[in-house]
């Protein structure tokens, strides 16, 4: 036989169960918040103040980027000099870009952004352009190697070539940002 339970007892039991479930939910929410804050704190500590000294240049990692303060400019790189592919080439120095317009053609957006972020503060302006009229899309001007011109292309071969004022940065798509950072390190004087 079943015990007869009054409506009051049923209500008390339901209320007690709701309090227990509510307490458990509050406990889980509080500890998940604390856990998340400790995780974020530890994660930030690993990226904050991470520094490397490379040939007298101090690179500081903040988030996903490496920062270099040099000659009153703050340069930002995806990679530090120890992480890039080494390409042996002689390039014009960054002084060739001071106060001059810079033209760029790029098949890789991330590498193009590296150029904009770093040489945009040095150059008069940066503008998309084409080297060959037959490849020109979007109404961009056609420029020659008499102008400061950087051409970034996907290629099976990794190299950086300086021809007059043109710089050709070539490499596999997945490495173009590293190669572009190597180019920037060379013209700044880090390499």
Foldseek 3Di string as FASTA:
>chain_A
DDDDDDPVRVVVVVVVVVVVVVVVVVVVVVVVVVVVVVVVVVVQVVQAQDWDAAPNWIWHGHDQWTWTQDPNDIAIANDDPVPFDDADDADAALVVAAAFEEEEAEPAPLLVVNCCRGSVVGHVHYYYADCDPVPDPDPHHHDHLCGQYEYEDEDCDAHWDRDNNYIYGYYHRVRSRRSSVNVNCNNPVSD
